[in-house]
Amino acid sequence: GFNLVEPTAQSAAVAAPATAAPGLASDSAALPMDAHLLRLCALFGVGWLAQVAFLAQQLPLLVPRIGAAQATVAVAATTASSLLGRLAMASFMDRIDHRRATAFSFGLQAAGMALMLASDTPWFVIAGCCMVGASVGNVITLPAMFAQREFAPQHYGRVITRVWSVGQVMYAFGPLGAGLLLSATGSSTWPLLLCMVCQLAAAGLSLAPPPSRVKQGASR
């Protein structure tokens, strides 16, 4: 029968945590919030902040530029390109350099913002939205590649948790900030410009070389 009071020797052995390999402690103290992890949190926090700010305020930002009808087309194009971008990267994600892929993704979003800033022509704005959308889904999944390739296996969950925790706090202010800036200036130029600067900063952080101790003690 089932023993609900005292564990058997077999169940105790199964429930006991595995002994960590030498030099790889398994408690939370083994993953300090050092410069490497801080930079990783900042990378995605800043990038997600700009992405969420743009997506949440996309219609208010675009309607004054290209009108309501064309703005809805731009939103639909953003969604479609997001799906296509996910499918495209998924086909070769395991064969690419994750840092270059991240820099390309955020850089593509920055280029899309620049295209929207350069012209109010509807097709230019729609093309810029497609460039932003093409990497919307990819930059959400890329943190997993950093955790897998730059940290020891037992830290995978902690890395993802910290990146997402910091990122969620940061991008929560994106829509509010973009909306306040749009209201204060009466122009979509400044919110788009600020989003572009954040995306460029994220791209730059992703290109910075990781510490030499990457995946310390873990086999590649």
N, C-alpha and C. Protein backbone atom coordinates (compact mmCIF):
# COMPACT_ATOMS: atom_id res chain seq x y z
N GLY A 1 0.83 -1.20 0.00
CA GLY A 1 0.00 0.00 0.00
C GLY A 1 0.85 1.24 0.00
N PHE A 2 0.19 2.41 0.03
CA PHE A 2 0.91 3.68 0.04
C PHE A 2 1.24 4.08 1.46
N ASN A 3 2.47 4.50 1.67
CA ASN A 3 2.91 4.98 2.97
C ASN A 3 2.89 6.50 2.95
N LEU A 4 1.89 7.10 3.61
CA LEU A 4 1.73 8.56 3.58
C LEU A 4 2.37 9.23 4.78
N VAL A 5 2.96 8.47 5.66
CA VAL A 5 3.51 9.06 6.88
C VAL A 5 5.03 9.10 6.82
N GLU A 6 5.65 7.98 6.65
CA GLU A 6 7.10 7.93 6.65
C GLU A 6 7.58 7.42 5.29
N PRO A 7 8.54 8.08 4.68
CA PRO A 7 9.03 7.63 3.38
C PRO A 7 9.79 6.33 3.50
N THR A 8 9.65 5.50 2.52
CA THR A 8 10.43 4.27 2.48
C THR A 8 11.85 4.61 2.05
N ALA A 9 12.73 3.64 2.20
CA ALA A 9 14.12 3.86 1.81
C ALA A 9 14.22 4.16 0.32
N GLN A 10 13.36 3.51 -0.47
CA GLN A 10 13.41 3.71 -1.91
C GLN A 10 12.92 5.10 -2.29
N SER A 11 11.79 5.53 -1.68
CA SER A 11 11.26 6.84 -2.02
C SER A 11 12.17 7.95 -1.53
N ALA A 12 12.81 7.74 -0.38
CA ALA A 12 13.73 8.75 0.13
C ALA A 12 14.91 8.92 -0.80
N ALA A 13 15.37 7.80 -1.37
CA ALA A 13 16.50 7.88 -2.30
C ALA A 13 16.12 8.63 -3.56
N VAL A 14 14.88 8.42 -4.01
CA VAL A 14 14.42 9.12 -5.22
C VAL A 14 14.25 10.61 -4.96
N ALA A 15 13.70 10.95 -3.78
CA ALA A 15 13.42 12.35 -3.48
C ALA A 15 14.66 13.14 -3.13
N ALA A 16 15.73 12.46 -2.71
CA ALA A 16 16.93 13.17 -2.30
C ALA A 16 17.54 13.91 -3.47
N PRO A 17 17.96 15.16 -3.28
CA PRO A 17 18.57 15.91 -4.39
C PRO A 17 19.88 15.29 -4.81
N ALA A 18 20.12 15.37 -6.10
CA ALA A 18 21.38 14.83 -6.63
C ALA A 18 22.55 15.64 -6.13
N THR A 19 23.64 14.97 -5.87
CA THR A 19 24.84 15.66 -5.41
C THR A 19 25.46 16.45 -6.55
N ALA A 20 25.73 17.71 -6.30
CA ALA A 20 26.29 18.56 -7.35
C ALA A 20 27.71 18.15 -7.66
N ALA A 21 28.09 18.35 -8.88
CA ALA A 21 29.46 18.06 -9.28
C ALA A 21 30.41 19.00 -8.57
N PRO A 22 31.66 18.58 -8.36
CA PRO A 22 32.62 19.44 -7.67
C PRO A 22 32.72 20.81 -8.33
N GLY A 23 32.66 21.84 -7.52
CA GLY A 23 32.81 23.19 -8.03
C GLY A 23 31.53 23.78 -8.58
N LEU A 24 30.42 22.99 -8.58
CA LEU A 24 29.15 23.49 -9.10
C LEU A 24 28.09 23.30 -8.02
N ALA A 25 28.03 24.24 -7.10
CA ALA A 25 27.05 24.14 -6.02
C ALA A 25 25.65 24.29 -6.58
N SER A 26 24.69 23.67 -5.92
CA SER A 26 23.34 23.67 -6.46
C SER A 26 22.42 24.68 -5.80
N ASP A 27 22.86 25.38 -4.75
CA ASP A 27 21.97 26.35 -4.11
C ASP A 27 22.01 27.68 -4.85
N SER A 28 21.11 28.59 -4.43
CA SER A 28 20.99 29.87 -5.14
C SER A 28 22.23 30.72 -5.00
N ALA A 29 23.03 30.48 -3.93
CA ALA A 29 24.24 31.27 -3.75
C ALA A 29 25.26 30.98 -4.85
N ALA A 30 25.07 29.86 -5.56
CA ALA A 30 26.01 29.50 -6.62
C ALA A 30 25.80 30.34 -7.86
N LEU A 31 24.71 31.12 -7.89
CA LEU A 31 24.44 31.96 -9.05
C LEU A 31 24.28 33.40 -8.59
N PRO A 32 25.40 34.09 -8.29
CA PRO A 32 25.30 35.47 -7.83
C PRO A 32 24.88 36.38 -8.98
N MET A 33 24.29 37.51 -8.62
CA MET A 33 23.91 38.49 -9.63
C MET A 33 25.17 39.29 -9.99
N ASP A 34 26.07 38.63 -10.74
CA ASP A 34 27.34 39.24 -11.09
C ASP A 34 27.18 40.06 -12.38
N ALA A 35 28.31 40.58 -12.89
CA ALA A 35 28.26 41.45 -14.06
C ALA A 35 27.69 40.74 -15.28
N HIS A 36 28.02 39.45 -15.41
CA HIS A 36 27.53 38.67 -16.54
C HIS A 36 26.00 38.58 -16.54
N LEU A 37 25.43 38.19 -15.41
CA LEU A 37 23.99 38.04 -15.31
C LEU A 37 23.28 39.39 -15.34
N LEU A 38 23.88 40.40 -14.72
CA LEU A 38 23.30 41.75 -14.77
C LEU A 38 23.22 42.27 -16.20
N ARG A 39 24.28 42.03 -16.96
CA ARG A 39 24.30 42.49 -18.35
C ARG A 39 23.26 41.75 -19.18
N LEU A 40 23.08 40.47 -18.88
CA LEU A 40 22.08 39.69 -19.60
C LEU A 40 20.67 40.19 -19.27
N CYS A 41 20.42 40.48 -17.99
CA CYS A 41 19.12 41.02 -17.59
C CYS A 41 18.87 42.39 -18.23
N ALA A 42 19.91 43.22 -18.25
CA ALA A 42 19.76 44.54 -18.85
C ALA A 42 19.51 44.45 -20.35
N LEU A 43 20.20 43.53 -20.99
CA LEU A 43 20.06 43.34 -22.44
C LEU A 43 18.60 43.12 -22.81
N PHE A 44 17.99 42.12 -22.20
CA PHE A 44 16.60 41.80 -22.57
C PHE A 44 15.61 42.76 -21.93
N GLY A 45 15.93 43.27 -20.75
CA GLY A 45 15.03 44.24 -20.13
C GLY A 45 14.86 45.48 -20.98
N VAL A 46 15.97 46.03 -21.45
CA VAL A 46 15.92 47.24 -22.28
C VAL A 46 15.26 46.95 -23.63
N GLY A 47 15.62 45.82 -24.22
CA GLY A 47 15.04 45.47 -25.51
C GLY A 47 13.55 45.21 -25.43
N TRP A 48 13.14 44.46 -24.41
CA TRP A 48 11.70 44.18 -24.24
C TRP A 48 10.93 45.44 -23.90
N LEU A 49 11.52 46.34 -23.13
CA LEU A 49 10.85 47.59 -22.79
C LEU A 49 10.44 48.34 -24.06
N ALA A 50 11.39 48.47 -25.00
CA ALA A 50 11.09 49.18 -26.24
C ALA A 50 10.08 48.42 -27.08
N GLN A 51 10.21 47.10 -27.13
CA GLN A 51 9.30 46.30 -27.94
C GLN A 51 7.87 46.39 -27.43
N VAL A 52 7.68 46.21 -26.13
CA VAL A 52 6.34 46.26 -25.55
C VAL A 52 5.77 47.67 -25.64
N ALA A 53 6.61 48.68 -25.45
CA ALA A 53 6.15 50.07 -25.58
C ALA A 53 5.58 50.33 -26.97
N PHE A 54 6.29 49.87 -27.99
CA PHE A 54 5.83 50.09 -29.36
C PHE A 54 4.55 49.31 -29.65
N LEU A 55 4.53 48.02 -29.28
CA LEU A 55 3.36 47.20 -29.59
C LEU A 55 2.11 47.68 -28.86
N ALA A 56 2.28 48.10 -27.60
CA ALA A 56 1.12 48.55 -26.83
C ALA A 56 0.57 49.87 -27.33
N GLN A 57 1.43 50.72 -27.85
CA GLN A 57 1.01 52.05 -28.32
C GLN A 57 1.07 52.16 -29.85
N GLN A 58 1.04 51.04 -30.53
CA GLN A 58 1.25 51.06 -31.99
C GLN A 58 0.21 51.91 -32.71
N LEU A 59 -1.05 51.70 -32.40
CA LEU A 59 -2.09 52.50 -33.09
C LEU A 59 -2.00 53.99 -32.77
N PRO A 60 -1.88 54.38 -31.49
CA PRO A 60 -1.73 55.82 -31.23
C PRO A 60 -0.50 56.43 -31.88
N LEU A 61 0.56 55.63 -32.05
CA LEU A 61 1.78 56.14 -32.68
C LEU A 61 1.63 56.27 -34.20
N LEU A 62 0.88 55.35 -34.81
CA LEU A 62 0.83 55.31 -36.27
C LEU A 62 -0.34 56.07 -36.88
N VAL A 63 -1.47 56.14 -36.19
CA VAL A 63 -2.64 56.81 -36.77
C VAL A 63 -2.34 58.25 -37.18
N PRO A 64 -1.65 59.05 -36.35
CA PRO A 64 -1.34 60.43 -36.80
C PRO A 64 -0.43 60.46 -38.03
N ARG A 65 0.31 59.42 -38.25
CA ARG A 65 1.26 59.40 -39.37
C ARG A 65 0.61 58.93 -40.67
N ILE A 66 -0.18 57.86 -40.60
CA ILE A 66 -0.67 57.26 -41.85
C ILE A 66 -2.18 57.06 -41.88
N GLY A 67 -2.88 57.48 -40.84
CA GLY A 67 -4.32 57.33 -40.82
C GLY A 67 -4.75 55.99 -40.22
N ALA A 68 -6.02 55.93 -39.81
CA ALA A 68 -6.51 54.75 -39.10
C ALA A 68 -6.53 53.51 -39.99
N ALA A 69 -6.97 53.65 -41.23
CA ALA A 69 -7.08 52.49 -42.11
C ALA A 69 -5.72 51.85 -42.37
N GLN A 70 -4.73 52.65 -42.70
CA GLN A 70 -3.40 52.12 -42.96
C GLN A 70 -2.72 51.63 -41.68
N ALA A 71 -3.06 52.25 -40.56
CA ALA A 71 -2.48 51.82 -39.28
C ALA A 71 -2.94 50.41 -38.92
N THR A 72 -4.20 50.09 -39.21
CA THR A 72 -4.68 48.73 -38.94
C THR A 72 -3.98 47.72 -39.85
N VAL A 73 -3.69 48.12 -41.08
CA VAL A 73 -2.92 47.24 -41.98
C VAL A 73 -1.53 47.02 -41.40
N ALA A 74 -0.93 48.06 -40.84
CA ALA A 74 0.40 47.95 -40.25
C ALA A 74 0.40 47.00 -39.06
N VAL A 75 -0.65 47.05 -38.25
CA VAL A 75 -0.75 46.14 -37.09
C VAL A 75 -0.86 44.70 -37.57
N ALA A 76 -1.70 44.47 -38.60
CA ALA A 76 -1.84 43.12 -39.14
C ALA A 76 -0.53 42.63 -39.74
N ALA A 77 0.18 43.52 -40.42
CA ALA A 77 1.47 43.13 -41.01
C ALA A 77 2.49 42.80 -39.93
N THR A 78 2.45 43.51 -38.82
CA THR A 78 3.35 43.22 -37.70
C THR A 78 3.10 41.82 -37.16
N THR A 79 1.84 41.47 -37.01
CA THR A 79 1.48 40.15 -36.51
C THR A 79 1.93 39.05 -37.46
N ALA A 80 1.66 39.25 -38.75
CA ALA A 80 2.03 38.23 -39.74
C ALA A 80 3.53 38.04 -39.81
N SER A 81 4.27 39.13 -39.79
CA SER A 81 5.73 39.02 -39.86
C SER A 81 6.30 38.39 -38.60
N SER A 82 5.63 38.58 -37.47
CA SER A 82 6.08 37.92 -36.23
C SER A 82 6.00 36.41 -36.36
N LEU A 83 4.91 35.93 -36.93
CA LEU A 83 4.75 34.49 -37.13
C LEU A 83 5.80 33.95 -38.11
N LEU A 84 6.00 34.66 -39.20
CA LEU A 84 6.98 34.22 -40.19
C LEU A 84 8.40 34.25 -39.63
N GLY A 85 8.68 35.26 -38.83
CA GLY A 85 10.01 35.37 -38.21
C GLY A 85 10.29 34.22 -37.26
N ARG A 86 9.28 33.80 -36.49
CA ARG A 86 9.47 32.68 -35.57
C ARG A 86 9.74 31.40 -36.36
N LEU A 87 8.98 31.20 -37.42
CA LEU A 87 9.15 29.98 -38.21
C LEU A 87 10.52 29.95 -38.88
N ALA A 88 10.96 31.12 -39.36
CA ALA A 88 12.25 31.18 -40.05
C ALA A 88 13.40 30.87 -39.09
N MET A 89 13.41 31.49 -37.91
CA MET A 89 14.51 31.26 -36.99
C MET A 89 14.47 29.87 -36.39
N ALA A 90 13.28 29.33 -36.21
CA ALA A 90 13.17 27.99 -35.63
C ALA A 90 13.82 26.93 -36.52
N SER A 91 13.90 27.21 -37.81
CA SER A 91 14.46 26.22 -38.73
C SER A 91 15.97 26.08 -38.61
N PHE A 92 16.65 27.09 -38.05
CA PHE A 92 18.10 26.97 -37.93
C PHE A 92 18.63 27.52 -36.61
N MET A 93 17.78 27.65 -35.60
CA MET A 93 18.18 28.25 -34.33
C MET A 93 19.31 27.48 -33.66
N ASP A 94 19.32 26.14 -33.81
CA ASP A 94 20.34 25.34 -33.14
C ASP A 94 21.71 25.45 -33.80
N ARG A 95 21.78 26.13 -34.94
CA ARG A 95 23.05 26.23 -35.66
C ARG A 95 23.61 27.65 -35.70
N ILE A 96 23.00 28.57 -35.00
CA ILE A 96 23.42 29.97 -35.08
C ILE A 96 24.08 30.40 -33.77
N ASP A 97 24.85 31.46 -33.87
CA ASP A 97 25.44 32.08 -32.68
C ASP A 97 24.36 32.91 -31.99
N HIS A 98 24.06 32.58 -30.74
CA HIS A 98 22.93 33.22 -30.07
C HIS A 98 23.14 34.72 -29.85
N ARG A 99 24.39 35.14 -29.64
CA ARG A 99 24.63 36.56 -29.43
C ARG A 99 24.45 37.35 -30.73
N ARG A 100 24.94 36.82 -31.82
CA ARG A 100 24.75 37.51 -33.09
C ARG A 100 23.28 37.52 -33.50
N ALA A 101 22.59 36.42 -33.21
CA ALA A 101 21.15 36.36 -33.53
C ALA A 101 20.38 37.39 -32.72
N THR A 102 20.76 37.57 -31.47
CA THR A 102 20.09 38.56 -30.63
C THR A 102 20.38 39.98 -31.13
N ALA A 103 21.63 40.24 -31.47
CA ALA A 103 22.00 41.56 -31.99
C ALA A 103 21.27 41.84 -33.30
N PHE A 104 21.18 40.83 -34.15
CA PHE A 104 20.46 41.01 -35.42
C PHE A 104 18.98 41.30 -35.16
N SER A 105 18.37 40.58 -34.22
CA SER A 105 16.95 40.74 -33.95
C SER A 105 16.64 42.14 -33.43
N PHE A 106 17.41 42.60 -32.43
CA PHE A 106 17.17 43.94 -31.91
C PHE A 106 17.59 45.01 -32.92
N GLY A 107 18.65 44.73 -33.68
CA GLY A 107 19.06 45.68 -34.71
C GLY A 107 18.01 45.82 -35.80
N LEU A 108 17.35 44.72 -36.15
CA LEU A 108 16.29 44.78 -37.15
C LEU A 108 15.12 45.61 -36.65
N GLN A 109 14.80 45.49 -35.38
CA GLN A 109 13.74 46.31 -34.82
C GLN A 109 14.13 47.79 -34.83
N ALA A 110 15.38 48.08 -34.50
CA ALA A 110 15.84 49.47 -34.54
C ALA A 110 15.78 50.02 -35.95
N ALA A 111 16.14 49.20 -36.94
CA ALA A 111 16.07 49.64 -38.34
C ALA A 111 14.63 49.91 -38.75
N GLY A 112 13.70 49.09 -38.24
CA GLY A 112 12.29 49.32 -38.53
C GLY A 112 11.82 50.64 -37.93
N MET A 113 12.24 50.94 -36.72
CA MET A 113 11.89 52.23 -36.11
C MET A 113 12.46 53.38 -36.93
N ALA A 114 13.71 53.22 -37.39
CA ALA A 114 14.34 54.27 -38.19
C ALA A 114 13.58 54.50 -39.50
N LEU A 115 13.09 53.43 -40.09
CA LEU A 115 12.33 53.55 -41.33
C LEU A 115 11.03 54.30 -41.09
N MET A 116 10.39 54.03 -39.98
CA MET A 116 9.15 54.75 -39.65
C MET A 116 9.42 56.22 -39.36
N LEU A 117 10.58 56.50 -38.77
CA LEU A 117 10.93 57.89 -38.49
C LEU A 117 11.32 58.64 -39.76
N ALA A 118 11.83 57.91 -40.74
CA ALA A 118 12.35 58.56 -41.95
C ALA A 118 11.25 59.06 -42.86
N SER A 119 10.09 58.41 -42.85
CA SER A 119 9.05 58.79 -43.79
C SER A 119 7.68 58.46 -43.23
N ASP A 120 6.69 59.31 -43.58
CA ASP A 120 5.30 59.06 -43.22
C ASP A 120 4.54 58.36 -44.35
N THR A 121 5.27 57.96 -45.38
CA THR A 121 4.63 57.22 -46.47
C THR A 121 4.11 55.89 -45.92
N PRO A 122 2.84 55.56 -46.15
CA PRO A 122 2.27 54.35 -45.54
C PRO A 122 3.08 53.09 -45.77
N TRP A 123 3.57 52.89 -46.99
CA TRP A 123 4.29 51.65 -47.25
C TRP A 123 5.64 51.61 -46.54
N PHE A 124 6.26 52.77 -46.31
CA PHE A 124 7.48 52.80 -45.53
C PHE A 124 7.18 52.43 -44.07
N VAL A 125 6.11 52.97 -43.55
CA VAL A 125 5.73 52.69 -42.16
C VAL A 125 5.36 51.22 -42.00
N ILE A 126 4.60 50.68 -42.94
CA ILE A 126 4.21 49.27 -42.88
C ILE A 126 5.44 48.37 -42.98
N ALA A 127 6.37 48.73 -43.85
CA ALA A 127 7.60 47.95 -43.97
C ALA A 127 8.39 47.99 -42.66
N GLY A 128 8.43 49.16 -42.01
CA GLY A 128 9.10 49.27 -40.72
C GLY A 128 8.45 48.40 -39.66
N CYS A 129 7.12 48.34 -39.68
CA CYS A 129 6.40 47.49 -38.73
C CYS A 129 6.72 46.01 -38.99
N CYS A 130 6.84 45.64 -40.25
CA CYS A 130 7.20 44.25 -40.57
C CYS A 130 8.59 43.92 -40.04
N MET A 131 9.51 44.86 -40.12
CA MET A 131 10.85 44.63 -39.61
C MET A 131 10.84 44.46 -38.09
N VAL A 132 10.01 45.26 -37.43
CA VAL A 132 9.89 45.10 -35.98
C VAL A 132 9.25 43.76 -35.65
N GLY A 133 8.18 43.44 -36.35
CA GLY A 133 7.46 42.21 -36.05
C GLY A 133 8.25 40.95 -36.31
N ALA A 134 9.16 40.99 -37.28
CA ALA A 134 9.90 39.79 -37.67
C ALA A 134 10.70 39.19 -36.52
N SER A 135 11.05 39.99 -35.53
CA SER A 135 11.85 39.46 -34.42
C SER A 135 11.14 39.55 -33.08
N VAL A 136 9.85 39.91 -33.09
CA VAL A 136 9.11 40.04 -31.83
C VAL A 136 9.12 38.73 -31.04
N GLY A 137 8.78 37.63 -31.69
CA GLY A 137 8.75 36.35 -30.99
C GLY A 137 10.13 35.80 -30.68
N ASN A 138 11.08 36.09 -31.56
CA ASN A 138 12.42 35.52 -31.38
C ASN A 138 13.13 36.06 -30.15
N VAL A 139 12.99 37.36 -29.87
CA VAL A 139 13.70 37.92 -28.72
C VAL A 139 13.10 37.46 -27.40
N ILE A 140 11.93 36.84 -27.44
CA ILE A 140 11.35 36.28 -26.22
C ILE A 140 11.95 34.91 -25.91
N THR A 141 12.31 34.17 -26.95
CA THR A 141 12.85 32.82 -26.75
C THR A 141 14.37 32.79 -26.64
N LEU A 142 15.04 33.83 -27.08
CA LEU A 142 16.51 33.82 -27.09
C LEU A 142 17.16 33.72 -25.71
N PRO A 143 16.55 34.24 -24.63
CA PRO A 143 17.19 34.08 -23.32
C PRO A 143 17.48 32.62 -22.97
N ALA A 144 16.65 31.70 -23.45
CA ALA A 144 16.89 30.29 -23.16
C ALA A 144 18.21 29.82 -23.75
N MET A 145 18.59 30.36 -24.90
CA MET A 145 19.86 29.97 -25.52
C MET A 145 21.04 30.50 -24.73
N PHE A 146 20.92 31.71 -24.18
CA PHE A 146 21.97 32.24 -23.32
C PHE A 146 22.13 31.37 -22.08
N ALA A 147 21.00 31.02 -21.45
CA ALA A 147 21.06 30.19 -20.24
C ALA A 147 21.67 28.83 -20.52
N GLN A 148 21.38 28.28 -21.68
CA GLN A 148 21.87 26.95 -22.03
C GLN A 148 23.35 26.95 -22.37
N ARG A 149 23.80 28.00 -23.06
CA ARG A 149 25.16 28.01 -23.59
C ARG A 149 26.17 28.75 -22.72
N GLU A 150 25.71 29.60 -21.82
CA GLU A 150 26.66 30.42 -21.07
C GLU A 150 26.64 30.15 -19.57
N PHE A 151 25.80 29.22 -19.12
CA PHE A 151 25.73 28.91 -17.70
C PHE A 151 25.71 27.40 -17.51
N ALA A 152 26.12 26.97 -16.33
CA ALA A 152 26.10 25.55 -16.00
C ALA A 152 24.67 25.02 -16.04
N PRO A 153 24.50 23.74 -16.38
CA PRO A 153 23.15 23.20 -16.56
C PRO A 153 22.22 23.38 -15.37
N GLN A 154 22.73 23.23 -14.14
CA GLN A 154 21.85 23.32 -12.98
C GLN A 154 21.37 24.74 -12.71
N HIS A 155 21.95 25.73 -13.40
CA HIS A 155 21.53 27.11 -13.21
C HIS A 155 20.51 27.57 -14.25
N TYR A 156 20.17 26.68 -15.17
CA TYR A 156 19.30 27.08 -16.29
C TYR A 156 18.01 27.74 -15.79
N GLY A 157 17.31 27.10 -14.88
CA GLY A 157 16.05 27.64 -14.40
C GLY A 157 16.22 28.96 -13.68
N ARG A 158 17.29 29.09 -12.90
CA ARG A 158 17.52 30.33 -12.16
C ARG A 158 17.84 31.49 -13.11
N VAL A 159 18.62 31.22 -14.14
CA VAL A 159 18.95 32.26 -15.10
C VAL A 159 17.69 32.77 -15.79
N ILE A 160 16.87 31.84 -16.28
CA ILE A 160 15.63 32.22 -16.96
C ILE A 160 14.72 33.01 -16.03
N THR A 161 14.61 32.56 -14.78
CA THR A 161 13.75 33.24 -13.81
C THR A 161 14.20 34.67 -13.56
N ARG A 162 15.51 34.86 -13.41
CA ARG A 162 16.00 36.20 -13.12
C ARG A 162 15.87 37.12 -14.33
N VAL A 163 16.17 36.60 -15.50
CA VAL A 163 16.04 37.44 -16.71
C VAL A 163 14.60 37.86 -16.90
N TRP A 164 13.68 36.93 -16.74
CA TRP A 164 12.27 37.26 -16.92
C TRP A 164 11.75 38.16 -15.81
N SER A 165 12.21 37.96 -14.58
CA SER A 165 11.75 38.81 -13.48
C SER A 165 12.16 40.26 -13.70
N VAL A 166 13.43 40.46 -14.02
CA VAL A 166 13.91 41.82 -14.28
C VAL A 166 13.25 42.39 -15.54
N GLY A 167 13.15 41.56 -16.58
CA GLY A 167 12.56 42.03 -17.82
C GLY A 167 11.11 42.46 -17.67
N GLN A 168 10.32 41.70 -16.89
CA GLN A 168 8.92 42.04 -16.71
C GLN A 168 8.75 43.34 -15.94
N VAL A 169 9.61 43.57 -14.95
CA VAL A 169 9.54 44.83 -14.22
C VAL A 169 9.86 46.00 -15.16
N MET A 170 10.87 45.81 -16.01
CA MET A 170 11.28 46.90 -16.89
C MET A 170 10.25 47.16 -17.99
N TYR A 171 9.79 46.09 -18.65
CA TYR A 171 8.90 46.36 -19.78
C TYR A 171 7.50 46.78 -19.34
N ALA A 172 7.19 46.61 -18.06
CA ALA A 172 5.90 47.09 -17.56
C ALA A 172 5.80 48.61 -17.68
N PHE A 173 6.94 49.28 -17.66
CA PHE A 173 6.94 50.74 -17.77
C PHE A 173 6.95 51.22 -19.22
N GLY A 174 7.13 50.30 -20.18
CA GLY A 174 7.21 50.70 -21.57
C GLY A 174 5.97 51.38 -22.10
N PRO A 175 4.79 50.75 -22.01
CA PRO A 175 3.58 51.39 -22.51
C PRO A 175 3.27 52.72 -21.82
N LEU A 176 3.48 52.76 -20.50
CA LEU A 176 3.23 53.98 -19.76
C LEU A 176 4.16 55.09 -20.23
N GLY A 177 5.45 54.76 -20.35
CA GLY A 177 6.41 55.78 -20.77
C GLY A 177 6.14 56.29 -22.17
N ALA A 178 5.83 55.37 -23.09
CA ALA A 178 5.55 55.79 -24.47
C ALA A 178 4.29 56.63 -24.53
N GLY A 179 3.27 56.24 -23.75
CA GLY A 179 2.03 57.01 -23.75
C GLY A 179 2.21 58.40 -23.17
N LEU A 180 2.95 58.50 -22.07
CA LEU A 180 3.20 59.81 -21.47
C LEU A 180 4.01 60.71 -22.40
N LEU A 181 5.01 60.12 -23.05
CA LEU A 181 5.84 60.90 -23.97
C LEU A 181 5.03 61.36 -25.17
N LEU A 182 4.14 60.49 -25.66
CA LEU A 182 3.29 60.86 -26.78
C LEU A 182 2.34 61.99 -26.39
N SER A 183 1.79 61.90 -25.20
CA SER A 183 0.87 62.95 -24.73
C SER A 183 1.60 64.27 -24.48
N ALA A 184 2.81 64.17 -23.93
CA ALA A 184 3.54 65.39 -23.59
C ALA A 184 4.05 66.13 -24.81
N THR A 185 4.46 65.39 -25.83
CA THR A 185 5.05 66.03 -27.02
C THR A 185 4.06 66.22 -28.16
N GLY A 186 2.98 65.42 -28.13
CA GLY A 186 2.02 65.50 -29.22
C GLY A 186 2.53 64.95 -30.53
N SER A 187 3.64 64.20 -30.47
CA SER A 187 4.25 63.66 -31.67
C SER A 187 4.73 62.25 -31.40
N SER A 188 4.63 61.39 -32.42
CA SER A 188 5.12 60.03 -32.28
C SER A 188 6.62 59.92 -32.49
N THR A 189 7.24 61.00 -32.89
CA THR A 189 8.68 60.97 -33.20
C THR A 189 9.50 60.59 -31.98
N TRP A 190 9.22 61.22 -30.85
CA TRP A 190 10.06 60.98 -29.67
C TRP A 190 9.89 59.58 -29.10
N PRO A 191 8.67 59.05 -28.99
CA PRO A 191 8.57 57.66 -28.53
C PRO A 191 9.27 56.68 -29.47
N LEU A 192 9.12 56.87 -30.78
CA LEU A 192 9.79 55.98 -31.73
C LEU A 192 11.30 56.10 -31.64
N LEU A 193 11.78 57.31 -31.46
CA LEU A 193 13.22 57.53 -31.35
C LEU A 193 13.78 56.88 -30.09
N LEU A 194 13.06 57.01 -29.00
CA LEU A 194 13.52 56.40 -27.75
C LEU A 194 13.51 54.88 -27.85
N CYS A 195 12.48 54.32 -28.50
CA CYS A 195 12.43 52.87 -28.71
C CYS A 195 13.62 52.41 -29.55
N MET A 196 13.96 53.19 -30.57
CA MET A 196 15.08 52.84 -31.44
C MET A 196 16.39 52.85 -30.65
N VAL A 197 16.57 53.84 -29.80
CA VAL A 197 17.79 53.92 -28.99
C VAL A 197 17.90 52.72 -28.05
N CYS A 198 16.78 52.32 -27.45
CA CYS A 198 16.79 51.16 -26.55
C CYS A 198 17.13 49.88 -27.32
N GLN A 199 16.59 49.74 -28.53
CA GLN A 199 16.88 48.54 -29.32
C GLN A 199 18.35 48.51 -29.72
N LEU A 200 18.92 49.65 -30.06
CA LEU A 200 20.34 49.70 -30.40
C LEU A 200 21.20 49.37 -29.18
N ALA A 201 20.78 49.84 -28.01
CA ALA A 201 21.52 49.52 -26.78
C ALA A 201 21.49 48.03 -26.51
N ALA A 202 20.33 47.41 -26.71
CA ALA A 202 20.21 45.97 -26.51
C ALA A 202 21.08 45.20 -27.50
N ALA A 203 21.10 45.66 -28.74
CA ALA A 203 21.95 45.01 -29.75
C ALA A 203 23.42 45.12 -29.37
N GLY A 204 23.82 46.29 -28.88
CA GLY A 204 25.20 46.47 -28.47
C GLY A 204 25.58 45.59 -27.29
N LEU A 205 24.68 45.47 -26.31
CA LEU A 205 24.96 44.61 -25.16
C LEU A 205 25.08 43.15 -25.57
N SER A 206 24.31 42.73 -26.55
CA SER A 206 24.36 41.33 -26.96
C SER A 206 25.66 41.00 -27.70
N LEU A 207 26.30 42.01 -28.28
CA LEU A 207 27.56 41.77 -28.99
C LEU A 207 28.77 41.81 -28.07
N ALA A 208 28.59 42.31 -26.86
CA ALA A 208 29.70 42.35 -25.90
C ALA A 208 30.11 40.92 -25.56
N PRO A 209 31.39 40.62 -25.58
CA PRO A 209 31.83 39.24 -25.32
C PRO A 209 31.50 38.79 -23.90
N PRO A 210 31.08 37.55 -23.72
CA PRO A 210 30.79 37.04 -22.38
C PRO A 210 32.09 36.80 -21.62
N PRO A 211 32.03 36.65 -20.30
CA PRO A 211 33.24 36.37 -19.51
C PRO A 211 33.90 35.06 -19.97
N SER A 212 35.17 34.96 -19.73
CA SER A 212 35.91 33.76 -20.13
C SER A 212 35.48 32.52 -19.36
N ARG A 213 34.79 32.73 -18.24
CA ARG A 213 34.35 31.60 -17.43
C ARG A 213 32.96 31.12 -17.83
N VAL A 214 32.48 31.49 -19.01
CA VAL A 214 31.16 31.10 -19.47
C VAL A 214 30.99 29.59 -19.36
N LYS A 215 29.82 29.19 -18.90
CA LYS A 215 29.49 27.77 -18.65
C LYS A 215 30.57 27.14 -17.77
N GLN A 216 30.90 27.83 -16.71
CA GLN A 216 31.95 27.39 -15.81
C GLN A 216 31.67 25.98 -15.32
N GLY A 217 32.64 25.11 -15.60
CA GLY A 217 32.56 23.76 -15.12
C GLY A 217 31.63 22.86 -15.90
N ALA A 218 30.87 23.42 -16.83
CA ALA A 218 29.90 22.61 -17.59
C ALA A 218 30.47 22.27 -18.94
N SER A 219 30.12 21.13 -19.42
CA SER A 219 30.57 20.75 -20.75
C SER A 219 29.72 21.41 -21.78
N ARG A 220 30.30 21.81 -22.91
CA ARG A 220 29.55 22.46 -23.98
C ARG A 220 28.75 21.42 -24.74
